[in-house]
């Protein structure tokens, strides 16, 4: 049951990313960079980049959701960049999955 919920969350998040990309006119060479973040890191990214799509996730499923979203984005587009700082996985303060375009500054 939990896997279905995480899978559904990943589908909704990817759907939101695709809508946002269309809304802001992303070009073919532009894509999303994914990151796991604490609340402070999310705020810093929001101040630096626009648009940004973030979702708060339970720490127990955060890494699993990250992997599913990453896989779904790679299937949809081959040029999407993904980033996971493995050193941050151990940090229990990670609460957010954040997607941003590194080419679009605020």
C-alpha atoms as a PDB file:
ATOM      1  CA  UNK A   1       0.000   0.000   0.000  1.00  0.00           C
ATOM      2  CA  UNK A   2       2.802   2.425   0.880  1.00  0.00           C
ATOM      3  CA  UNK A   3       4.487   1.791  -2.485  1.00  0.00           C
ATOM      4  CA  UNK A   4       1.287   2.738  -4.306  1.00  0.00           C
ATOM      5  CA  UNK A   5       1.086   5.977  -2.370  1.00  0.00           C
ATOM      6  CA  UNK A   6       4.721   6.863  -3.111  1.00  0.00           C
ATOM      7  CA  UNK A   7       4.266   5.959  -6.779  1.00  0.00           C
ATOM      8  CA  UNK A   8       1.157   8.140  -6.991  1.00  0.00           C
ATOM      9  CA  UNK A   9       2.995  11.021  -5.297  1.00  0.00           C
ATOM     10  CA  UNK A  10       5.818  10.671  -7.831  1.00  0.00           C
ATOM     11  CA  UNK A  11       3.366  10.752 -10.760  1.00  0.00           C
ATOM     12  CA  UNK A  12       1.663  13.875  -9.423  1.00  0.00           C
ATOM     13  CA  UNK A  13       5.014  15.597  -8.839  1.00  0.00           C
ATOM     14  CA  UNK A  14       6.244  14.794 -12.366  1.00  0.00           C
ATOM     15  CA  UNK A  15       2.915  16.027 -13.753  1.00  0.00           C
ATOM     16  CA  UNK A  16       3.393  19.314 -11.869  1.00  0.00           C
ATOM     17  CA  UNK A  17       6.948  19.612 -13.192  1.00  0.00           C
ATOM     18  CA  UNK A  18       5.812  19.089 -16.783  1.00  0.00           C
ATOM     19  CA  UNK A  19       3.016  21.651 -16.410  1.00  0.00           C
ATOM     20  CA  UNK A  20       5.376  24.181 -14.896  1.00  0.00           C
ATOM     21  CA  UNK A  21       7.920  23.617 -17.684  1.00  0.00           C
ATOM     22  CA  UNK A  22       5.234  24.209 -20.324  1.00  0.00           C
ATOM     23  CA  UNK A  23       3.893  27.262 -18.503  1.00  0.00           C
ATOM     24  CA  UNK A  24       7.328  28.899 -18.331  1.00  0.00           C
ATOM     25  CA  UNK A  25       8.357  27.914 -21.860  1.00  0.00           C
ATOM     26  CA  UNK A  26      11.303  25.649 -21.117  1.00  0.00           C
ATOM     27  CA  UNK A  27      13.408  25.048 -24.205  1.00  0.00           C
ATOM     28  CA  UNK A  28      14.595  21.585 -25.294  1.00  0.00           C
ATOM     29  CA  UNK A  29      17.984  22.055 -23.632  1.00  0.00           C
ATOM     30  CA  UNK A  30      16.426  23.081 -20.312  1.00  0.00           C
ATOM     31  CA  UNK A  31      15.336  20.678 -17.631  1.00  0.00           C
ATOM     32  CA  UNK A  32      14.900  20.201 -13.927  1.00  0.00           C
ATOM     33  CA  UNK A  33      17.573  19.570 -11.366  1.00  0.00           C
ATOM     34  CA  UNK A  34      16.355  17.600  -8.364  1.00  0.00           C
ATOM     35  CA  UNK A  35      17.618  18.048  -4.855  1.00  0.00           C
ATOM     36  CA  UNK A  36      16.747  16.938  -1.351  1.00  0.00           C
ATOM     37  CA  UNK A  37      16.633  19.893   1.004  1.00  0.00           C
ATOM     38  CA  UNK A  38      15.944  21.112   4.482  1.00  0.00           C
ATOM     39  CA  UNK A  39      13.531  23.979   5.008  1.00  0.00           C
ATOM     40  CA  UNK A  40      16.368  26.528   5.027  1.00  0.00           C
ATOM     41  CA  UNK A  41      17.942  25.086   1.867  1.00  0.00           C
ATOM     42  CA  UNK A  42      14.556  25.170   0.121  1.00  0.00           C
ATOM     43  CA  UNK A  43      14.123  28.839   1.026  1.00  0.00           C
ATOM     44  CA  UNK A  44      17.606  29.630  -0.274  1.00  0.00           C
ATOM     45  CA  UNK A  45      16.851  27.879  -3.567  1.00  0.00           C
ATOM     46  CA  UNK A  46      13.542  29.760  -3.856  1.00  0.00           C
ATOM     47  CA  UNK A  47      15.399  33.050  -3.472  1.00  0.00           C
ATOM     48  CA  UNK A  48      17.955  32.087  -6.111  1.00  0.00           C
ATOM     49  CA  UNK A  49      15.902  30.309  -8.828  1.00  0.00           C
ATOM     50  CA  UNK A  50      12.501  30.734 -10.456  1.00  0.00           C
ATOM     51  CA  UNK A  51      10.401  28.692 -11.103  1.00  0.00           C
ATOM     52  CA  UNK A  52      10.846  26.130  -8.383  1.00  0.00           C
ATOM     53  CA  UNK A  53       8.598  23.192  -7.534  1.00  0.00           C
ATOM     54  CA  UNK A  54       8.927  21.727  -4.065  1.00  0.00           C
ATOM     55  CA  UNK A  55       6.973  19.267  -2.000  1.00  0.00           C
ATOM     56  CA  UNK A  56       7.208  18.328   1.640  1.00  0.00           C
ATOM     57  CA  UNK A  57       7.671  14.603   2.144  1.00  0.00           C
ATOM     58  CA  UNK A  58       8.002  12.309   5.118  1.00  0.00           C
ATOM     59  CA  UNK A  59      11.708  11.566   5.695  1.00  0.00           C
ATOM     60  CA  UNK A  60      11.047   7.810   5.559  1.00  0.00           C
ATOM     61  CA  UNK A  61       9.925   7.949   1.916  1.00  0.00           C
ATOM     62  CA  UNK A  62      11.943  10.931   0.684  1.00  0.00           C
ATOM     63  CA  UNK A  63      14.778   8.959  -0.920  1.00  0.00           C
ATOM     64  CA  UNK A  64      12.345   6.482  -2.507  1.00  0.00           C
ATOM     65  CA  UNK A  65      10.259   9.351  -3.933  1.00  0.00           C
ATOM     66  CA  UNK A  66      13.412  11.027  -5.234  1.00  0.00           C
ATOM     67  CA  UNK A  67      14.378   7.850  -7.076  1.00  0.00           C
ATOM     68  CA  UNK A  68      10.928   7.407  -8.619  1.00  0.00           C
ATOM     69  CA  UNK A  69      10.722  11.023  -9.771  1.00  0.00           C
ATOM     70  CA  UNK A  70      14.240  10.833 -11.186  1.00  0.00           C
ATOM     71  CA  UNK A  71      13.367   7.674 -13.135  1.00  0.00           C
ATOM     72  CA  UNK A  72      10.123   9.147 -14.469  1.00  0.00           C
ATOM     73  CA  UNK A  73      11.861  12.351 -15.565  1.00  0.00           C
ATOM     74  CA  UNK A  74      14.623  10.436 -17.317  1.00  0.00           C
ATOM     75  CA  UNK A  75      12.014   8.385 -19.156  1.00  0.00           C
ATOM     76  CA  UNK A  76      10.213  11.534 -20.260  1.00  0.00           C
ATOM     77  CA  UNK A  77      13.367  13.387 -21.360  1.00  0.00           C
ATOM     78  CA  UNK A  78      16.893  12.136 -21.720  1.00  0.00           C
ATOM     79  CA  UNK A  79      18.588  15.505 -21.098  1.00  0.00           C
ATOM     80  CA  UNK A  80      17.242  16.196 -17.615  1.00  0.00           C
ATOM     81  CA  UNK A  81      19.899  16.678 -14.986  1.00  0.00           C
ATOM     82  CA  UNK A  82      19.430  15.114 -11.585  1.00  0.00           C
ATOM     83  CA  UNK A  83      21.479  15.666  -8.485  1.00  0.00           C
ATOM     84  CA  UNK A  84      21.509  13.776  -5.228  1.00  0.00           C
ATOM     85  CA  UNK A  85      23.996  14.694  -2.569  1.00  0.00           C
ATOM     86  CA  UNK A  86      24.440  11.289  -0.942  1.00  0.00           C
ATOM     87  CA  UNK A  87      26.028  12.865   2.111  1.00  0.00           C
ATOM     88  CA  UNK A  88      22.709  14.533   2.871  1.00  0.00           C
ATOM     89  CA  UNK A  89      20.750  11.265   2.928  1.00  0.00           C
ATOM     90  CA  UNK A  90      21.860  10.619   6.464  1.00  0.00           C
ATOM     91  CA  UNK A  91      20.574  14.013   7.545  1.00  0.00           C
ATOM     92  CA  UNK A  92      17.155  13.476   9.096  1.00  0.00           C
ATOM     93  CA  UNK A  93      16.272  17.164   8.608  1.00  0.00           C
ATOM     94  CA  UNK A  94      15.689  16.601   4.901  1.00  0.00           C
ATOM     95  CA  UNK A  95      11.994  17.187   4.335  1.00  0.00           C
ATOM     96  CA  UNK A  96      11.644  18.547   0.801  1.00  0.00           C
ATOM     97  CA  UNK A  97      12.053  17.330  -2.733  1.00  0.00           C
ATOM     98  CA  UNK A  98      12.932  20.427  -4.743  1.00  0.00           C
ATOM     99  CA  UNK A  99      13.125  20.828  -8.509  1.00  0.00           C
ATOM    100  CA  UNK A 100      14.626  23.917 -10.107  1.00  0.00           C
ATOM    101  CA  UNK A 101      16.153  24.973 -13.386  1.00  0.00           C
ATOM    102  CA  UNK A 102      19.791  25.966 -12.841  1.00  0.00           C
ATOM    103  CA  UNK A 103      19.658  28.231 -15.926  1.00  0.00           C
ATOM    104  CA  UNK A 104      16.792  30.385 -14.643  1.00  0.00           C
ATOM    105  CA  UNK A 105      17.804  32.771 -11.908  1.00  0.00           C
ATOM    106  CA  UNK A 106      15.347  34.966 -10.053  1.00  0.00           C
END
